[in-house]
Amino acid sequence: MTTCCTCHSKWTWKETFFTMFTIRKAVSCPTCGNEQYVTRRSRNNLSLIPSIVALFWLPLIAFGLPFSLILSIEVFISILTLLSLPFFYEVTDQDEPMW
């Protein structure tokens, strides 16, 4: 789980999950209130992991599975992916450029 760089407190899954959907560049630590920034590595992972879900369409279509089964598998995989994203969320006390 995410750990604050200032107070070293661990965020809960729920705090991390809802923090992931903020539009602001900096997020506040739920314990100490200091601003934290998402790390470059974490931003890359959070953008790459959901796109992997799209790759599951190809083999399922290639095997000729019915569309309703493909859709239910994709919904299940999407929900699992969404619920696992907080484990890849990391913060730092300094804003890092993307490159």
PDB file of N, CA and C in Angstrom:
ATOM      1  N   MET A   1       0.830  -1.180   0.000  1.00  0.00           N
ATOM      2  CA  MET A   1       0.000   0.000   0.000  1.00  0.00           C
ATOM      3  C   MET A   1       0.875   1.244   0.000  1.00  0.00           C
ATOM      4  N   THR A   2       0.247   2.345  -0.256  1.00  0.00           N
ATOM      5  CA  THR A   2       0.944   3.623  -0.326  1.00  0.00           C
ATOM      6  C   THR A   2       1.400   4.058   1.061  1.00  0.00           C
ATOM      7  N   THR A   3       2.618   4.604   1.125  1.00  0.00           N
ATOM      8  CA  THR A   3       3.178   5.094   2.378  1.00  0.00           C
ATOM      9  C   THR A   3       3.572   6.553   2.197  1.00  0.00           C
ATOM     10  N   CYS A   4       3.187   7.396   3.137  1.00  0.00           N
ATOM     11  CA  CYS A   4       3.519   8.822   3.102  1.00  0.00           C
ATOM     12  C   CYS A   4       5.024   8.994   3.296  1.00  0.00           C
ATOM     13  N   CYS A   5       5.622   9.873   2.513  1.00  0.00           N
ATOM     14  CA  CYS A   5       7.065  10.107   2.626  1.00  0.00           C
ATOM     15  C   CYS A   5       7.423  10.970   3.829  1.00  0.00           C
ATOM     16  N   THR A   6       6.473  11.722   4.348  1.00  0.00           N
ATOM     17  CA  THR A   6       6.744  12.608   5.471  1.00  0.00           C
ATOM     18  C   THR A   6       6.536  11.921   6.813  1.00  0.00           C
ATOM     19  N   CYS A   7       5.337  11.370   7.026  1.00  0.00           N
ATOM     20  CA  CYS A   7       5.034  10.770   8.329  1.00  0.00           C
ATOM     21  C   CYS A   7       5.155   9.245   8.328  1.00  0.00           C
ATOM     22  N   HIS A   8       5.416   8.649   7.180  1.00  0.00           N
ATOM     23  CA  HIS A   8       5.608   7.208   7.016  1.00  0.00           C
ATOM     24  C   HIS A   8       4.407   6.375   7.468  1.00  0.00           C
ATOM     25  N   SER A   9       3.218   6.945   7.360  1.00  0.00           N
ATOM     26  CA  SER A   9       2.012   6.180   7.688  1.00  0.00           C
ATOM     27  C   SER A   9       1.507   5.485   6.424  1.00  0.00           C
ATOM     28  N   LYS A  10       0.977   4.291   6.602  1.00  0.00           N
ATOM     29  CA  LYS A  10       0.425   3.549   5.476  1.00  0.00           C
ATOM     30  C   LYS A  10      -1.010   3.974   5.250  1.00  0.00           C
ATOM     31  N   TRP A  11      -1.351   4.196   3.994  1.00  0.00           N
ATOM     32  CA  TRP A  11      -2.717   4.548   3.635  1.00  0.00           C
ATOM     33  C   TRP A  11      -3.523   3.262   3.529  1.00  0.00           C
ATOM     34  N   THR A  12      -4.795   3.361   3.809  1.00  0.00           N
ATOM     35  CA  THR A  12      -5.662   2.204   3.644  1.00  0.00           C
ATOM     36  C   THR A  12      -5.982   2.035   2.165  1.00  0.00           C
ATOM     37  N   TRP A  13      -6.504   0.866   1.824  1.00  0.00           N
ATOM     38  CA  TRP A  13      -6.872   0.609   0.437  1.00  0.00           C
ATOM     39  C   TRP A  13      -7.923   1.608  -0.017  1.00  0.00           C
ATOM     40  N   LYS A  14      -8.893   1.895   0.830  1.00  0.00           N
ATOM     41  CA  LYS A  14      -9.986   2.815   0.495  1.00  0.00           C
ATOM     42  C   LYS A  14      -9.463   4.228   0.263  1.00  0.00           C
ATOM     43  N   GLU A  15      -8.565   4.712   1.122  1.00  0.00           N
ATOM     44  CA  GLU A  15      -7.990   6.053   0.952  1.00  0.00           C
ATOM     45  C   GLU A  15      -7.211   6.136  -0.358  1.00  0.00           C
ATOM     46  N   THR A  16      -6.434   5.116  -0.642  1.00  0.00           N
ATOM     47  CA  THR A  16      -5.652   5.099  -1.875  1.00  0.00           C
ATOM     48  C   THR A  16      -6.551   5.027  -3.091  1.00  0.00           C
ATOM     49  N   PHE A  17      -7.579   4.201  -3.044  1.00  0.00           N
ATOM     50  CA  PHE A  17      -8.487   4.028  -4.177  1.00  0.00           C
ATOM     51  C   PHE A  17      -9.160   5.339  -4.547  1.00  0.00           C
ATOM     52  N   PHE A  18      -9.695   6.050  -3.573  1.00  0.00           N
ATOM     53  CA  PHE A  18     -10.387   7.297  -3.875  1.00  0.00           C
ATOM     54  C   PHE A  18      -9.421   8.418  -4.231  1.00  0.00           C
ATOM     55  N   THR A  19      -8.186   8.367  -3.744  1.00  0.00           N
ATOM     56  CA  THR A  19      -7.177   9.360  -4.095  1.00  0.00           C
ATOM     57  C   THR A  19      -6.744   9.216  -5.549  1.00  0.00           C
ATOM     58  N   MET A  20      -6.805   8.000  -6.072  1.00  0.00           N
ATOM     59  CA  MET A  20      -6.380   7.770  -7.458  1.00  0.00           C
ATOM     60  C   MET A  20      -7.246   8.520  -8.460  1.00  0.00           C
ATOM     61  N   PHE A  21      -8.464   8.844  -8.112  1.00  0.00           N
ATOM     62  CA  PHE A  21      -9.386   9.462  -9.051  1.00  0.00           C
ATOM     63  C   PHE A  21      -9.472  10.976  -8.917  1.00  0.00           C
ATOM     64  N   THR A  22      -8.527  11.583  -8.203  1.00  0.00           N
ATOM     65  CA  THR A  22      -8.504  13.039  -8.120  1.00  0.00           C
ATOM     66  C   THR A  22      -7.802  13.597  -9.347  1.00  0.00           C
ATOM     67  N   ILE A  23      -8.179  14.785  -9.722  1.00  0.00           N
ATOM     68  CA  ILE A  23      -7.598  15.426 -10.899  1.00  0.00           C
ATOM     69  C   ILE A  23      -6.380  16.256 -10.522  1.00  0.00           C
ATOM     70  N   ARG A  24      -6.288  16.640  -9.266  1.00  0.00           N
ATOM     71  CA  ARG A  24      -5.177  17.488  -8.829  1.00  0.00           C
ATOM     72  C   ARG A  24      -3.839  16.774  -8.993  1.00  0.00           C
ATOM     73  N   LYS A  25      -2.796  17.579  -9.154  1.00  0.00           N
ATOM     74  CA  LYS A  25      -1.453  17.025  -9.317  1.00  0.00           C
ATOM     75  C   LYS A  25      -0.912  16.493  -7.989  1.00  0.00           C
ATOM     76  N   ALA A  26      -1.204  17.205  -6.912  1.00  0.00           N
ATOM     77  CA  ALA A  26      -0.744  16.786  -5.585  1.00  0.00           C
ATOM     78  C   ALA A  26      -1.928  16.272  -4.785  1.00  0.00           C
ATOM     79  N   VAL A  27      -1.679  15.258  -3.978  1.00  0.00           N
ATOM     80  CA  VAL A  27      -2.702  14.710  -3.093  1.00  0.00           C
ATOM     81  C   VAL A  27      -2.243  14.908  -1.652  1.00  0.00           C
ATOM     82  N   SER A  28      -3.180  15.015  -0.755  1.00  0.00           N
ATOM     83  CA  SER A  28      -2.851  15.221   0.658  1.00  0.00           C
ATOM     84  C   SER A  28      -2.809  13.888   1.386  1.00  0.00           C
ATOM     85  N   CYS A  29      -1.857  13.775   2.277  1.00  0.00           N
ATOM     86  CA  CYS A  29      -1.770  12.588   3.127  1.00  0.00           C
ATOM     87  C   CYS A  29      -2.948  12.606   4.094  1.00  0.00           C
ATOM     88  N   PRO A  30      -3.663  11.499   4.236  1.00  0.00           N
ATOM     89  CA  PRO A  30      -4.802  11.478   5.151  1.00  0.00           C
ATOM     90  C   PRO A  30      -4.404  11.641   6.622  1.00  0.00           C
ATOM     91  N   THR A  31      -3.151  11.335   6.971  1.00  0.00           N
ATOM     92  CA  THR A  31      -2.713  11.408   8.358  1.00  0.00           C
ATOM     93  C   THR A  31      -2.136  12.776   8.707  1.00  0.00           C
ATOM     94  N   CYS A  32      -1.116  13.213   7.947  1.00  0.00           N
ATOM     95  CA  CYS A  32      -0.427  14.461   8.297  1.00  0.00           C
ATOM     96  C   CYS A  32      -0.878  15.648   7.450  1.00  0.00           C
ATOM     97  N   GLY A  33      -1.505  15.418   6.321  1.00  0.00           N
ATOM     98  CA  GLY A  33      -2.009  16.500   5.481  1.00  0.00           C
ATOM     99  C   GLY A  33      -0.986  17.100   4.539  1.00  0.00           C
ATOM    100  N   ASN A  34       0.248  16.601   4.523  1.00  0.00           N
ATOM    101  CA  ASN A  34       1.264  17.131   3.609  1.00  0.00           C
ATOM    102  C   ASN A  34       0.959  16.707   2.182  1.00  0.00           C
ATOM    103  N   GLU A  35       1.379  17.552   1.242  1.00  0.00           N
ATOM    104  CA  GLU A  35       1.153  17.237  -0.161  1.00  0.00           C
ATOM    105  C   GLU A  35       2.115  16.147  -0.626  1.00  0.00           C
ATOM    106  N   GLN A  36       1.571  15.195  -1.362  1.00  0.00           N
ATOM    107  CA  GLN A  36       2.331  14.088  -1.925  1.00  0.00           C
ATOM    108  C   GLN A  36       2.074  14.061  -3.422  1.00  0.00           C
ATOM    109  N   TYR A  37       3.067  13.624  -4.184  1.00  0.00           N
ATOM    110  CA  TYR A  37       2.944  13.540  -5.637  1.00  0.00           C
ATOM    111  C   TYR A  37       3.101  12.090  -6.070  1.00  0.00           C
ATOM    112  N   VAL A  38       2.360  11.719  -7.087  1.00  0.00           N
ATOM    113  CA  VAL A  38       2.456  10.357  -7.614  1.00  0.00           C
ATOM    114  C   VAL A  38       3.801  10.211  -8.313  1.00  0.00           C
ATOM    115  N   THR A  39       4.509   9.115  -8.065  1.00  0.00           N
ATOM    116  CA  THR A  39       5.818   8.904  -8.677  1.00  0.00           C
ATOM    117  C   THR A  39       5.674   8.646 -10.176  1.00  0.00           C
ATOM    118  N   ARG A  40       6.748   8.884 -10.891  1.00  0.00           N
ATOM    119  CA  ARG A  40       6.757   8.671 -12.334  1.00  0.00           C
ATOM    120  C   ARG A  40       6.486   7.201 -12.663  1.00  0.00           C
ATOM    121  N   ARG A  41       7.112   6.325 -11.935  1.00  0.00           N
ATOM    122  CA  ARG A  41       6.923   4.888 -12.164  1.00  0.00           C
ATOM    123  C   ARG A  41       5.461   4.480 -11.941  1.00  0.00           C
ATOM    124  N   SER A  42       4.873   5.028 -10.895  1.00  0.00           N
ATOM    125  CA  SER A  42       3.484   4.713 -10.585  1.00  0.00           C
ATOM    126  C   SER A  42       2.541   5.246 -11.662  1.00  0.00           C
ATOM    127  N   ARG A  43       2.795   6.460 -12.163  1.00  0.00           N
ATOM    128  CA  ARG A  43       1.963   7.008 -13.244  1.00  0.00           C
ATOM    129  C   ARG A  43       2.050   6.143 -14.486  1.00  0.00           C
ATOM    130  N   ASN A  44       3.246   5.672 -14.801  1.00  0.00           N
ATOM    131  CA  ASN A  44       3.399   4.791 -15.958  1.00  0.00           C
ATOM    132  C   ASN A  44       2.657   3.474 -15.755  1.00  0.00           C
ATOM    133  N   ASN A  45       2.787   2.886 -14.581  1.00  0.00           N
ATOM    134  CA  ASN A  45       2.101   1.621 -14.294  1.00  0.00           C
ATOM    135  C   ASN A  45       0.591   1.781 -14.316  1.00  0.00           C
ATOM    136  N   LEU A  46       0.102   2.867 -13.732  1.00  0.00           N
ATOM    137  CA  LEU A  46      -1.340   3.088 -13.667  1.00  0.00           C
ATOM    138  C   LEU A  46      -1.951   3.350 -15.037  1.00  0.00           C
ATOM    139  N   SER A  47      -1.145   3.798 -15.982  1.00  0.00           N
ATOM    140  CA  SER A  47      -1.675   3.983 -17.335  1.00  0.00           C
ATOM    141  C   SER A  47      -1.523   2.725 -18.180  1.00  0.00           C
ATOM    142  N   LEU A  48      -0.545   1.900 -17.857  1.00  0.00           N
ATOM    143  CA  LEU A  48      -0.287   0.698 -18.643  1.00  0.00           C
ATOM    144  C   LEU A  48      -1.155  -0.489 -18.225  1.00  0.00           C
ATOM    145  N   ILE A  49      -1.354  -0.674 -16.943  1.00  0.00           N
ATOM    146  CA  ILE A  49      -2.071  -1.849 -16.431  1.00  0.00           C
ATOM    147  C   ILE A  49      -3.496  -1.953 -16.979  1.00  0.00           C
ATOM    148  N   PRO A  50      -4.295  -0.877 -16.980  1.00  0.00           N
ATOM    149  CA  PRO A  50      -5.646  -1.026 -17.538  1.00  0.00           C
ATOM    150  C   PRO A  50      -5.670  -1.338 -19.033  1.00  0.00           C
ATOM    151  N   SER A  51      -4.647  -0.940 -19.754  1.00  0.00           N
ATOM    152  CA  SER A  51      -4.630  -1.231 -21.193  1.00  0.00           C
ATOM    153  C   SER A  51      -4.369  -2.712 -21.464  1.00  0.00           C
ATOM    154  N   ILE A  52      -3.839  -3.433 -20.493  1.00  0.00           N
ATOM    155  CA  ILE A  52      -3.612  -4.863 -20.652  1.00  0.00           C
ATOM    156  C   ILE A  52      -4.944  -5.608 -20.766  1.00  0.00           C
ATOM    157  N   VAL A  53      -5.973  -5.062 -20.145  1.00  0.00           N
ATOM    158  CA  VAL A  53      -7.296  -5.682 -20.205  1.00  0.00           C
ATOM    159  C   VAL A  53      -7.758  -5.803 -21.653  1.00  0.00           C
ATOM    160  N   ALA A  54      -7.416  -4.822 -22.468  1.00  0.00           N
ATOM    161  CA  ALA A  54      -7.813  -4.844 -23.872  1.00  0.00           C
ATOM    162  C   ALA A  54      -7.155  -5.997 -24.632  1.00  0.00           C
ATOM    163  N   LEU A  55      -6.007  -6.448 -24.187  1.00  0.00           N
ATOM    164  CA  LEU A  55      -5.305  -7.538 -24.868  1.00  0.00           C
ATOM    165  C   LEU A  55      -6.006  -8.887 -24.705  1.00  0.00           C
ATOM    166  N   PHE A  56      -6.881  -9.009 -23.718  1.00  0.00           N
ATOM    167  CA  PHE A  56      -7.603 -10.263 -23.514  1.00  0.00           C
ATOM    168  C   PHE A  56      -8.677 -10.493 -24.569  1.00  0.00           C
ATOM    169  N   TRP A  57      -9.081  -9.448 -25.281  1.00  0.00           N
ATOM    170  CA  TRP A  57     -10.084  -9.607 -26.334  1.00  0.00           C
ATOM    171  C   TRP A  57      -9.569 -10.500 -27.460  1.00  0.00           C
ATOM    172  N   LEU A  58      -8.331 -10.309 -27.860  1.00  0.00           N
ATOM    173  CA  LEU A  58      -7.797 -11.009 -29.031  1.00  0.00           C
ATOM    174  C   LEU A  58      -7.854 -12.531 -28.916  1.00  0.00           C
ATOM    175  N   PRO A  59      -7.306 -13.142 -27.859  1.00  0.00           N
ATOM    176  CA  PRO A  59      -7.385 -14.609 -27.791  1.00  0.00           C
ATOM    177  C   PRO A  59      -8.815 -15.124 -27.642  1.00  0.00           C
ATOM    178  N   LEU A  60      -9.638 -14.377 -26.925  1.00  0.00           N
ATOM    179  CA  LEU A  60     -11.017 -14.827 -26.747  1.00  0.00           C
ATOM    180  C   LEU A  60     -11.779 -14.827 -28.063  1.00  0.00           C
ATOM    181  N   ILE A  61     -11.533 -13.815 -28.873  1.00  0.00           N
ATOM    182  CA  ILE A  61     -12.181 -13.754 -30.192  1.00  0.00           C
ATOM    183  C   ILE A  61     -11.595 -14.822 -31.106  1.00  0.00           C
ATOM    184  N   ALA A  62     -10.285 -15.042 -31.007  1.00  0.00           N
ATOM    185  CA  ALA A  62      -9.625 -16.032 -31.865  1.00  0.00           C
ATOM    186  C   ALA A  62     -10.145 -17.448 -31.602  1.00  0.00           C
ATOM    187  N   PHE A  63     -10.514 -17.737 -30.357  1.00  0.00           N
ATOM    188  CA  PHE A  63     -11.051 -19.059 -30.039  1.00  0.00           C
ATOM    189  C   PHE A  63     -12.527 -19.184 -30.370  1.00  0.00           C
ATOM    190  N   GLY A  64     -13.136 -18.111 -30.836  1.00  0.00           N
ATOM    191  CA  GLY A  64     -14.523 -18.163 -31.270  1.00  0.00           C
ATOM    192  C   GLY A  64     -15.532 -18.258 -30.144  1.00  0.00           C
ATOM    193  N   LEU A  65     -15.215 -17.694 -29.006  1.00  0.00           N
ATOM    194  CA  LEU A  65     -16.154 -17.717 -27.889  1.00  0.00           C
ATOM    195  C   LEU A  65     -17.331 -16.781 -28.170  1.00  0.00           C
ATOM    196  N   PRO A  66     -18.492 -17.077 -27.628  1.00  0.00           N
ATOM    197  CA  PRO A  66     -19.651 -16.194 -27.827  1.00  0.00           C
ATOM    198  C   PRO A  66     -19.405 -14.809 -27.218  1.00  0.00           C
ATOM    199  N   PHE A  67     -20.012 -13.804 -27.836  1.00  0.00           N
ATOM    200  CA  PHE A  67     -19.798 -12.424 -27.397  1.00  0.00           C
ATOM    201  C   PHE A  67     -20.223 -12.215 -25.946  1.00  0.00           C
ATOM    202  N   SER A  68     -21.299 -12.853 -25.520  1.00  0.00           N
ATOM    203  CA  SER A  68     -21.761 -12.672 -24.141  1.00  0.00           C
ATOM    204  C   SER A  68     -20.731 -13.202 -23.135  1.00  0.00           C
ATOM    205  N   LEU A  69     -20.072 -14.301 -23.470  1.00  0.00           N
ATOM    206  CA  LEU A  69     -19.028 -14.847 -22.596  1.00  0.00           C
ATOM    207  C   LEU A  69     -17.799 -13.939 -22.594  1.00  0.00           C
ATOM    208  N   ILE A  70     -17.428 -13.439 -23.756  1.00  0.00           N
ATOM    209  CA  ILE A  70     -16.287 -12.523 -23.852  1.00  0.00           C
ATOM    210  C   ILE A  70     -16.558 -11.265 -23.027  1.00  0.00           C
ATOM    211  N   LEU A  71     -17.759 -10.730 -23.155  1.00  0.00           N
ATOM    212  CA  LEU A  71     -18.110  -9.517 -22.427  1.00  0.00           C
ATOM    213  C   LEU A  71     -18.097  -9.748 -20.918  1.00  0.00           C
ATOM    214  N   SER A  72     -18.606 -10.865 -20.460  1.00  0.00           N
ATOM    215  CA  SER A  72     -18.607 -11.140 -19.021  1.00  0.00           C
ATOM    216  C   SER A  72     -17.185 -11.358 -18.495  1.00  0.00           C
ATOM    217  N   ILE A  73     -16.343 -12.009 -19.272  1.00  0.00           N
ATOM    218  CA  ILE A  73     -14.942 -12.188 -18.865  1.00  0.00           C
ATOM    219  C   ILE A  73     -14.238 -10.837 -18.794  1.00  0.00           C
ATOM    220  N   GLU A  74     -14.463  -9.983 -19.782  1.00  0.00           N
ATOM    221  CA  GLU A  74     -13.832  -8.657 -19.802  1.00  0.00           C
ATOM    222  C   GLU A  74     -14.303  -7.792 -18.636  1.00  0.00           C
ATOM    223  N   VAL A  75     -15.573  -7.851 -18.305  1.00  0.00           N
ATOM    224  CA  VAL A  75     -16.088  -7.080 -17.165  1.00  0.00           C
ATOM    225  C   VAL A  75     -15.438  -7.588 -15.882  1.00  0.00           C
ATOM    226  N   PHE A  76     -15.337  -8.892 -15.724  1.00  0.00           N
ATOM    227  CA  PHE A  76     -14.706  -9.474 -14.539  1.00  0.00           C
ATOM    228  C   PHE A  76     -13.239  -9.057 -14.439  1.00  0.00           C
ATOM    229  N   ILE A  77     -12.510  -9.126 -15.530  1.00  0.00           N
ATOM    230  CA  ILE A  77     -11.090  -8.749 -15.537  1.00  0.00           C
ATOM    231  C   ILE A  77     -10.941  -7.256 -15.273  1.00  0.00           C
ATOM    232  N   SER A  78     -11.833  -6.446 -15.811  1.00  0.00           N
ATOM    233  CA  SER A  78     -11.778  -5.000 -15.587  1.00  0.00           C
ATOM    234  C   SER A  78     -11.997  -4.659 -14.124  1.00  0.00           C
ATOM    235  N   ILE A  79     -12.944  -5.325 -13.490  1.00  0.00           N
ATOM    236  CA  ILE A  79     -13.204  -5.075 -12.067  1.00  0.00           C
ATOM    237  C   ILE A  79     -12.003  -5.500 -11.224  1.00  0.00           C
ATOM    238  N   LEU A  80     -11.420  -6.656 -11.517  1.00  0.00           N
ATOM    239  CA  LEU A  80     -10.225  -7.105 -10.785  1.00  0.00           C
ATOM    240  C   LEU A  80      -9.065  -6.134 -10.965  1.00  0.00           C
ATOM    241  N   THR A  81      -8.905  -5.640 -12.176  1.00  0.00           N
ATOM    242  CA  THR A  81      -7.834  -4.679 -12.451  1.00  0.00           C
ATOM    243  C   THR A  81      -8.061  -3.392 -11.671  1.00  0.00           C
ATOM    244  N   LEU A  82      -9.274  -2.898 -11.691  1.00  0.00           N
ATOM    245  CA  LEU A  82      -9.604  -1.664 -10.983  1.00  0.00           C
ATOM    246  C   LEU A  82      -9.376  -1.811  -9.477  1.00  0.00           C
ATOM    247  N   LEU A  83      -9.731  -2.950  -8.929  1.00  0.00           N
ATOM    248  CA  LEU A  83      -9.556  -3.177  -7.496  1.00  0.00           C
ATOM    249  C   LEU A  83      -8.092  -3.396  -7.102  1.00  0.00           C
ATOM    250  N   SER A  84      -7.254  -3.790  -8.050  1.00  0.00           N
ATOM    251  CA  SER A  84      -5.841  -4.014  -7.739  1.00  0.00           C
ATOM    252  C   SER A  84      -4.968  -2.781  -7.959  1.00  0.00           C
ATOM    253  N   LEU A  85      -5.471  -1.760  -8.621  1.00  0.00           N
ATOM    254  CA  LEU A  85      -4.665  -0.574  -8.912  1.00  0.00           C
ATOM    255  C   LEU A  85      -4.095   0.126  -7.672  1.00  0.00           C
ATOM    256  N   PRO A  86      -4.795   0.212  -6.543  1.00  0.00           N
ATOM    257  CA  PRO A  86      -4.192   0.871  -5.375  1.00  0.00           C
ATOM    258  C   PRO A  86      -2.882   0.237  -4.903  1.00  0.00           C
ATOM    259  N   PHE A  87      -2.660  -1.022  -5.222  1.00  0.00           N
ATOM    260  CA  PHE A  87      -1.406  -1.664  -4.815  1.00  0.00           C
ATOM    261  C   PHE A  87      -0.215  -1.190  -5.652  1.00  0.00           C
ATOM    262  N   PHE A  88      -0.468  -0.538  -6.770  1.00  0.00           N
ATOM    263  CA  PHE A  88       0.593  -0.013  -7.629  1.00  0.00           C
ATOM    264  C   PHE A  88       0.774   1.492  -7.464  1.00  0.00           C
ATOM    265  N   TYR A  89       0.046   2.117  -6.557  1.00  0.00           N
ATOM    266  CA  TYR A  89       0.054   3.564  -6.344  1.00  0.00           C
ATOM    267  C   TYR A  89       1.142   3.910  -5.350  1.00  0.00           C
ATOM    268  N   GLU A  90       2.094   4.739  -5.756  1.00  0.00           N
ATOM    269  CA  GLU A  90       3.188   5.164  -4.885  1.00  0.00           C
ATOM    270  C   GLU A  90       3.285   6.683  -4.927  1.00  0.00           C
ATOM    271  N   VAL A  91       3.645   7.287  -3.808  1.00  0.00           N
ATOM    272  CA  VAL A  91       3.770   8.737  -3.746  1.00  0.00           C
ATOM    273  C   VAL A  91       5.153   9.126  -3.241  1.00  0.00           C
ATOM    274  N   THR A  92       5.513  10.362  -3.556  1.00  0.00           N
ATOM    275  CA  THR A  92       6.771  10.942  -3.090  1.00  0.00           C
ATOM    276  C   THR A  92       6.498  12.385  -2.695  1.00  0.00           C
ATOM    277  N   ASP A  93       7.444  12.997  -1.999  1.00  0.00           N
ATOM    278  CA  ASP A  93       7.227  14.378  -1.566  1.00  0.00           C
ATOM    279  C   ASP A  93       7.697  15.398  -2.600  1.00  0.00           C
ATOM    280  N   GLN A  94       8.277  14.944  -3.710  1.00  0.00           N
ATOM    281  CA  GLN A  94       8.725  15.844  -4.771  1.00  0.00           C
ATOM    282  C   GLN A  94       8.040  15.480  -6.075  1.00  0.00           C
ATOM    283  N   ASP A  95       7.716  16.516  -6.841  1.00  0.00           N
ATOM    284  CA  ASP A  95       7.068  16.305  -8.127  1.00  0.00           C
ATOM    285  C   ASP A  95       8.128  15.867  -9.136  1.00  0.00           C
ATOM    286  N   GLU A  96       7.910  14.728  -9.796  1.00  0.00           N
ATOM    287  CA  GLU A  96       8.860  14.194 -10.770  1.00  0.00           C
ATOM    288  C   GLU A  96       8.333  14.429 -12.186  1.00  0.00           C
ATOM    289  N   PRO A  97       9.218  14.827 -13.110  1.00  0.00           N
ATOM    290  CA  PRO A  97       8.757  14.938 -14.504  1.00  0.00           C
ATOM    291  C   PRO A  97       8.515  13.556 -15.099  1.00  0.00           C
ATOM    292  N   MET A  98       7.739  13.498 -16.160  1.00  0.00           N
ATOM    293  CA  MET A  98       7.440  12.207 -16.778  1.00  0.00           C
ATOM    294  C   MET A  98       8.665  11.602 -17.466  1.00  0.00           C
ATOM    295  N   TRP A  99       9.630  12.389 -17.858  1.00  0.00           N
ATOM    296  CA  TRP A  99      10.843  11.838 -18.486  1.00  0.00           C
ATOM    297  C   TRP A  99      12.072  12.486 -17.944  1.00  0.00           C
TER     298      TRP A  99
END
